[in-house]
C-alpha cells in the first residue's frame, strides 16, 4: 500500500550529525506516525515518503530550517538555584514560559554554583541532520487515529 494522507507509516531510522558524522539516535523499535500534514514528523520526511511503499529506503540531509530550527540564544536562561526544588539535575527537563507567554520545555544544561543554566532549544537545533529511513510498514489509519491526529497502539500513542 503506498503512503498517502491518513496512512500510518512505521519507520526504522537513524539520525546523524551531517557535519561530524556522529550518530545522534538510532531507534531500537520502529516509530509510527500519521502521514498527511498532522505534524507528527518533519514535513521534508513526509514529502520524501509520500507515495512510497513498505521496504522503501532513503537518506535525507536536512538543514536546520527543515529540521529543528536554528539555535536561539534568547532561549538560554540562567536562573538562581534557589528557585528550583531540591534535586535539580543536569539533563532534567521542566516546562516554562517564554517572554511572549508561550510554553516551552527547558533542559537543565549546567549547574554552576548558585545558578542553573536552562536551554529551551531542541537539543538538535542548529544542526544539519542526516536521516536514514526505512519504511517498515504502511496501513490505513483508523477513524479514531485521524480524529485524534496521531497513531494509537504499537509504535504510537497509548491512551
Protein backbone atom coordinates (compact mmCIF):
# COMPACT_ATOMS: atom_id res chain seq x y z
CA UNK A 1 0.00 0.00 0.00
CA UNK A 2 1.55 3.34 -0.99
CA UNK A 3 1.90 6.08 1.62
CA UNK A 4 -0.88 8.66 1.25
CA UNK A 5 -2.76 11.08 3.52
CA UNK A 6 -4.17 9.23 6.53
CA UNK A 7 -1.68 6.35 6.26
CA UNK A 8 0.04 5.05 9.38
CA UNK A 9 3.71 4.74 8.46
CA UNK A 10 6.09 2.65 10.54
CA UNK A 11 9.73 3.73 10.17
CA UNK A 12 13.11 2.43 11.21
CA UNK A 13 15.52 5.35 11.44
CA UNK A 14 18.95 6.62 12.34
CA UNK A 15 19.83 10.28 12.82
CA UNK A 16 23.41 11.56 12.46
CA UNK A 17 25.03 14.97 12.65
CA UNK A 18 25.72 15.61 8.94
CA UNK A 19 28.73 17.80 9.78
CA UNK A 20 30.57 15.43 12.13
CA UNK A 21 29.06 12.12 11.00
CA UNK A 22 28.37 11.20 14.64
CA UNK A 23 25.31 9.05 15.28
CA UNK A 24 22.80 11.00 17.41
CA UNK A 25 19.98 8.48 17.64
CA UNK A 26 19.16 5.03 16.32
CA UNK A 27 15.66 3.78 17.02
CA UNK A 28 15.62 0.46 18.85
CA UNK A 29 11.98 -0.02 17.88
CA UNK A 30 10.26 1.28 14.74
CA UNK A 31 8.37 4.57 15.12
CA UNK A 32 4.85 5.00 13.75
CA UNK A 33 3.36 8.31 12.62
CA UNK A 34 0.17 9.52 10.94
CA UNK A 35 1.04 10.78 7.44
CA UNK A 36 -0.63 13.78 5.83
CA UNK A 37 0.19 17.08 7.48
CA UNK A 38 -0.62 16.19 11.09
CA UNK A 39 2.78 17.47 12.27
CA UNK A 40 3.71 14.01 13.58
CA UNK A 41 7.07 14.16 11.78
CA UNK A 42 9.13 16.70 9.85
CA UNK A 43 7.48 17.99 6.62
CA UNK A 44 10.55 17.10 4.50
CA UNK A 45 10.35 13.49 5.75
CA UNK A 46 6.66 13.31 4.78
CA UNK A 47 7.48 14.82 1.39
CA UNK A 48 10.20 12.21 0.73
CA UNK A 49 7.96 9.29 1.76
CA UNK A 50 4.72 10.36 0.03
CA UNK A 51 3.66 7.67 -2.48
CA UNK A 52 6.36 5.20 -1.36
CA UNK A 53 5.73 1.70 0.00
CA UNK A 54 6.97 -0.81 2.59
CA UNK A 55 10.68 -1.51 2.07
CA UNK A 56 11.49 1.95 0.66
CA UNK A 57 14.80 3.31 1.94
CA UNK A 58 16.21 6.81 1.69
CA UNK A 59 18.77 9.09 3.26
CA UNK A 60 17.85 12.75 3.71
CA UNK A 61 20.14 15.58 4.74
CA UNK A 62 18.14 18.39 6.31
CA UNK A 63 19.38 21.89 7.08
CA UNK A 64 18.38 23.29 10.49
CA UNK A 65 15.49 25.26 8.91
CA UNK A 66 13.98 21.97 7.64
CA UNK A 67 14.73 20.03 10.83
CA UNK A 68 14.67 21.51 14.36
CA UNK A 69 15.42 25.16 13.54
CA UNK A 70 18.38 27.39 14.25
CA UNK A 71 19.61 27.80 17.82
CA UNK A 72 18.06 30.80 19.53
CA UNK A 73 20.29 32.15 22.30
CA UNK A 74 17.27 34.04 23.70
CA UNK A 75 16.03 30.60 24.84
CA UNK A 76 19.04 30.15 27.13
CA UNK A 77 18.36 31.30 30.69
CA UNK A 78 20.28 31.45 33.93
CA UNK A 79 18.03 31.10 36.99
CA UNK A 80 19.01 31.11 40.68
CA UNK A 81 19.22 27.55 42.03
CA UNK A 82 17.10 28.73 44.99
CA UNK A 83 14.10 28.90 42.63
CA UNK A 84 14.26 25.15 41.92
CA UNK A 85 13.05 22.26 44.05
CA UNK A 86 15.78 20.18 45.72
CA UNK A 87 17.35 17.55 43.48
CA UNK A 88 17.57 19.61 40.26
CA UNK A 89 19.97 17.74 37.94
CA UNK A 90 21.71 18.32 34.61
CA UNK A 91 19.59 16.73 31.89
CA UNK A 92 16.35 17.34 33.77
CA UNK A 93 13.51 18.99 31.87
CA UNK A 94 10.85 21.39 33.00
CA UNK A 95 8.07 23.36 31.40
CA UNK A 96 8.29 27.13 31.48
CA UNK A 97 7.11 30.22 29.66
CA UNK A 98 8.86 32.30 27.05
CA UNK A 99 8.78 36.10 27.05
CA UNK A 100 5.79 36.02 24.65
CA UNK A 101 3.83 33.86 27.13
CA UNK A 102 4.03 30.65 25.07
CA UNK A 103 5.03 27.38 26.73
CA UNK A 104 8.43 25.80 26.20
CA UNK A 105 10.37 22.82 27.54
CA UNK A 106 13.70 23.77 29.07
CA UNK A 107 16.58 21.37 29.68
CA UNK A 108 18.98 21.88 32.59
CA UNK A 109 22.36 22.07 30.81
CA UNK A 110 24.64 23.20 33.64
CA UNK A 111 24.59 23.92 37.36
CA UNK A 112 27.30 26.40 38.28
CA UNK A 113 27.36 27.38 41.94
CA UNK A 114 24.10 29.17 42.79
CA UNK A 115 22.97 29.38 39.11
CA UNK A 116 21.13 26.86 36.91
CA UNK A 117 21.59 27.21 33.15
CA UNK A 118 18.47 26.27 31.13
CA UNK A 119 18.15 25.84 27.37
CA UNK A 120 14.76 25.98 25.63
CA UNK A 121 16.20 24.99 22.23
CA UNK A 122 15.59 21.49 20.90
CA UNK A 123 18.82 19.52 21.52
CA UNK A 124 19.24 19.14 17.73
CA UNK A 125 18.55 22.81 16.91
CA UNK A 126 21.21 24.41 14.72
CA UNK A 127 22.41 21.05 13.36
CA UNK A 128 22.32 19.81 9.79
CA UNK A 129 20.99 16.27 10.21
CA UNK A 130 21.21 13.11 8.15
CA UNK A 131 18.18 10.83 8.45
CA UNK A 132 18.47 7.21 7.28
CA UNK A 133 14.91 5.94 6.86
CA UNK A 134 13.39 2.55 6.05
CA UNK A 135 9.63 2.14 5.69
CA UNK A 136 8.82 -0.94 7.79
CA UNK A 137 5.06 -0.85 7.21
CA UNK A 138 2.10 1.12 5.87
CA UNK A 139 -1.57 0.77 6.79
CA UNK A 140 -4.74 2.85 6.63
CA UNK A 141 -5.33 4.86 9.81
CA UNK A 142 -8.44 4.20 11.88
CA UNK A 143 -11.16 6.86 12.14
CA UNK A 144 -10.15 7.39 15.79
CA UNK A 145 -6.48 7.95 14.86
CA UNK A 146 -7.49 10.51 12.22
CA UNK A 147 -9.83 12.26 14.69
CA UNK A 148 -7.06 12.36 17.34
CA UNK A 149 -4.41 13.34 14.75
CA UNK A 150 -1.91 10.67 15.88
CA UNK A 151 -1.26 6.91 15.83
CA UNK A 152 -2.58 4.64 18.59
CA UNK A 153 -1.08 1.30 19.65
CA UNK A 154 2.32 -0.20 18.82
CA UNK A 155 4.88 2.48 17.98
CA UNK A 156 2.36 5.25 18.51
CA UNK A 157 0.39 6.89 21.33
CA UNK A 158 -1.42 4.89 24.02
CA UNK A 159 -4.49 6.22 25.84
